[in-house]
N, C-alpha and C. Protein backbone atom coordinates (compact mmCIF):
# COMPACT_ATOMS: atom_id res chain seq x y z
N MET A 1 -35.16 -14.78 7.22
CA MET A 1 -33.83 -15.34 7.08
C MET A 1 -33.03 -14.58 6.02
N MET A 2 -33.71 -14.04 5.02
CA MET A 2 -32.99 -13.30 3.99
C MET A 2 -32.35 -12.04 4.57
N GLY A 3 -32.92 -11.47 5.64
CA GLY A 3 -32.35 -10.30 6.27
C GLY A 3 -30.94 -10.58 6.75
N PHE A 4 -30.74 -11.76 7.32
CA PHE A 4 -29.41 -12.15 7.77
C PHE A 4 -28.42 -12.18 6.62
N TRP A 5 -28.80 -12.81 5.51
CA TRP A 5 -27.89 -12.92 4.37
C TRP A 5 -27.64 -11.57 3.71
N ASP A 6 -28.66 -10.72 3.70
CA ASP A 6 -28.46 -9.37 3.17
C ASP A 6 -27.45 -8.61 4.01
N LYS A 7 -27.58 -8.72 5.32
CA LYS A 7 -26.66 -8.04 6.23
C LYS A 7 -25.26 -8.63 6.10
N ALA A 8 -25.17 -9.96 6.03
CA ALA A 8 -23.86 -10.61 5.87
C ALA A 8 -23.19 -10.16 4.58
N PHE A 9 -23.97 -10.05 3.52
CA PHE A 9 -23.43 -9.60 2.24
C PHE A 9 -22.93 -8.16 2.35
N ASP A 10 -23.70 -7.29 3.01
CA ASP A 10 -23.30 -5.90 3.18
C ASP A 10 -21.99 -5.79 3.96
N VAL A 11 -21.88 -6.57 5.02
CA VAL A 11 -20.64 -6.57 5.82
C VAL A 11 -19.47 -7.04 4.98
N ALA A 12 -19.64 -8.11 4.25
CA ALA A 12 -18.56 -8.63 3.40
C ALA A 12 -18.18 -7.63 2.33
N LYS A 13 -19.16 -6.96 1.75
CA LYS A 13 -18.89 -5.96 0.73
C LYS A 13 -18.11 -4.79 1.32
N ASN A 14 -18.50 -4.35 2.52
CA ASN A 14 -17.79 -3.24 3.17
C ASN A 14 -16.36 -3.61 3.52
N VAL A 15 -16.16 -4.82 3.99
CA VAL A 15 -14.80 -5.29 4.30
C VAL A 15 -13.98 -5.35 3.02
N GLY A 16 -14.55 -5.87 1.95
CA GLY A 16 -13.85 -5.94 0.67
C GLY A 16 -13.48 -4.56 0.16
N THR A 17 -14.38 -3.61 0.31
CA THR A 17 -14.11 -2.24 -0.13
C THR A 17 -12.98 -1.63 0.69
N ALA A 18 -12.98 -1.86 1.99
CA ALA A 18 -11.92 -1.33 2.86
C ALA A 18 -10.57 -1.95 2.52
N VAL A 19 -10.55 -3.25 2.27
CA VAL A 19 -9.31 -3.93 1.91
C VAL A 19 -8.79 -3.41 0.57
N ALA A 20 -9.67 -3.26 -0.39
CA ALA A 20 -9.26 -2.75 -1.70
C ALA A 20 -8.70 -1.34 -1.59
N SER A 21 -9.31 -0.53 -0.76
CA SER A 21 -8.84 0.84 -0.55
C SER A 21 -7.45 0.84 0.07
N GLU A 22 -7.22 -0.02 1.03
CA GLU A 22 -5.91 -0.11 1.68
C GLU A 22 -4.85 -0.61 0.71
N ILE A 23 -5.20 -1.56 -0.13
CA ILE A 23 -4.26 -2.06 -1.14
C ILE A 23 -3.90 -0.95 -2.11
N GLU A 24 -4.89 -0.19 -2.54
CA GLU A 24 -4.63 0.92 -3.46
C GLU A 24 -3.73 1.97 -2.82
N SER A 25 -3.98 2.27 -1.56
CA SER A 25 -3.17 3.25 -0.84
C SER A 25 -1.71 2.78 -0.74
N THR A 26 -1.53 1.52 -0.39
CA THR A 26 -0.18 0.96 -0.28
C THR A 26 0.53 0.95 -1.64
N ALA A 27 -0.20 0.61 -2.68
CA ALA A 27 0.38 0.60 -4.03
C ALA A 27 0.82 2.01 -4.43
N ASN A 28 0.02 3.01 -4.08
CA ASN A 28 0.40 4.39 -4.39
C ASN A 28 1.66 4.79 -3.65
N GLU A 29 1.76 4.41 -2.38
CA GLU A 29 2.97 4.71 -1.60
C GLU A 29 4.19 4.06 -2.22
N LEU A 30 4.04 2.80 -2.64
CA LEU A 30 5.18 2.09 -3.25
C LEU A 30 5.59 2.74 -4.57
N ARG A 31 4.62 3.19 -5.35
CA ARG A 31 4.94 3.89 -6.60
C ARG A 31 5.72 5.17 -6.34
N GLU A 32 5.31 5.91 -5.30
CA GLU A 32 6.00 7.15 -4.95
C GLU A 32 7.44 6.88 -4.50
N ILE A 33 7.62 5.85 -3.68
CA ILE A 33 8.96 5.50 -3.22
C ILE A 33 9.83 5.07 -4.39
N LYS A 34 9.27 4.24 -5.26
CA LYS A 34 10.01 3.77 -6.43
C LYS A 34 10.44 4.95 -7.29
N GLN A 35 9.54 5.88 -7.54
CA GLN A 35 9.87 7.05 -8.36
C GLN A 35 10.96 7.89 -7.70
N LYS A 36 10.86 8.06 -6.38
CA LYS A 36 11.85 8.84 -5.64
C LYS A 36 13.24 8.23 -5.81
N TYR A 37 13.35 6.91 -5.65
CA TYR A 37 14.65 6.25 -5.76
C TYR A 37 15.15 6.21 -7.20
N GLU A 38 14.25 6.11 -8.17
CA GLU A 38 14.67 6.11 -9.57
C GLU A 38 15.29 7.45 -9.97
N GLU A 39 14.88 8.52 -9.30
CA GLU A 39 15.40 9.85 -9.62
C GLU A 39 16.72 10.15 -8.94
N MET A 40 17.15 9.30 -8.01
CA MET A 40 18.40 9.52 -7.29
C MET A 40 19.59 8.98 -8.07
N SER A 41 20.72 9.59 -7.82
CA SER A 41 21.96 9.12 -8.48
C SER A 41 22.46 7.86 -7.76
N ASP A 42 23.39 7.18 -8.42
CA ASP A 42 23.97 5.98 -7.81
C ASP A 42 24.65 6.32 -6.49
N ASP A 43 25.34 7.45 -6.43
CA ASP A 43 26.02 7.86 -5.20
C ASP A 43 25.03 8.08 -4.06
N GLU A 44 23.90 8.71 -4.37
CA GLU A 44 22.88 8.93 -3.34
C GLU A 44 22.31 7.60 -2.84
N LEU A 45 22.07 6.69 -3.77
CA LEU A 45 21.54 5.38 -3.39
C LEU A 45 22.54 4.61 -2.53
N LEU A 46 23.81 4.66 -2.90
CA LEU A 46 24.83 3.97 -2.11
C LEU A 46 24.93 4.56 -0.71
N ARG A 47 24.82 5.87 -0.61
CA ARG A 47 24.87 6.53 0.70
C ARG A 47 23.69 6.07 1.57
N ILE A 48 22.52 5.92 0.98
CA ILE A 48 21.35 5.45 1.72
C ILE A 48 21.56 4.02 2.20
N ILE A 49 22.06 3.18 1.32
CA ILE A 49 22.27 1.76 1.69
C ILE A 49 23.31 1.64 2.80
N LYS A 50 24.36 2.45 2.74
CA LYS A 50 25.43 2.36 3.74
C LYS A 50 25.04 3.00 5.07
N SER A 51 24.03 3.84 5.07
CA SER A 51 23.63 4.48 6.32
C SER A 51 22.83 3.51 7.18
N ASP A 52 22.75 3.80 8.43
CA ASP A 52 21.99 2.95 9.36
C ASP A 52 20.49 3.04 9.13
N GLY A 53 20.02 4.09 8.47
CA GLY A 53 18.61 4.31 8.28
C GLY A 53 17.96 3.44 7.21
N PHE A 54 18.74 2.73 6.42
CA PHE A 54 18.16 1.94 5.33
C PHE A 54 17.33 0.79 5.85
N TRP A 55 17.86 0.02 6.77
CA TRP A 55 17.15 -1.13 7.28
C TRP A 55 16.51 -0.77 8.59
């Protein structure tokens, strides 16, 4: 019976690792986007908001 729980634990650990990796990846993308927009001028930001591509 312990084999089942060992396997269940391994699966849960692998899922947790995959989720944590995805969260880290998304956080990195958001940091990059934030930095990109922080470096833009107000005029550039306004042009992006007014364009159809923003939403």
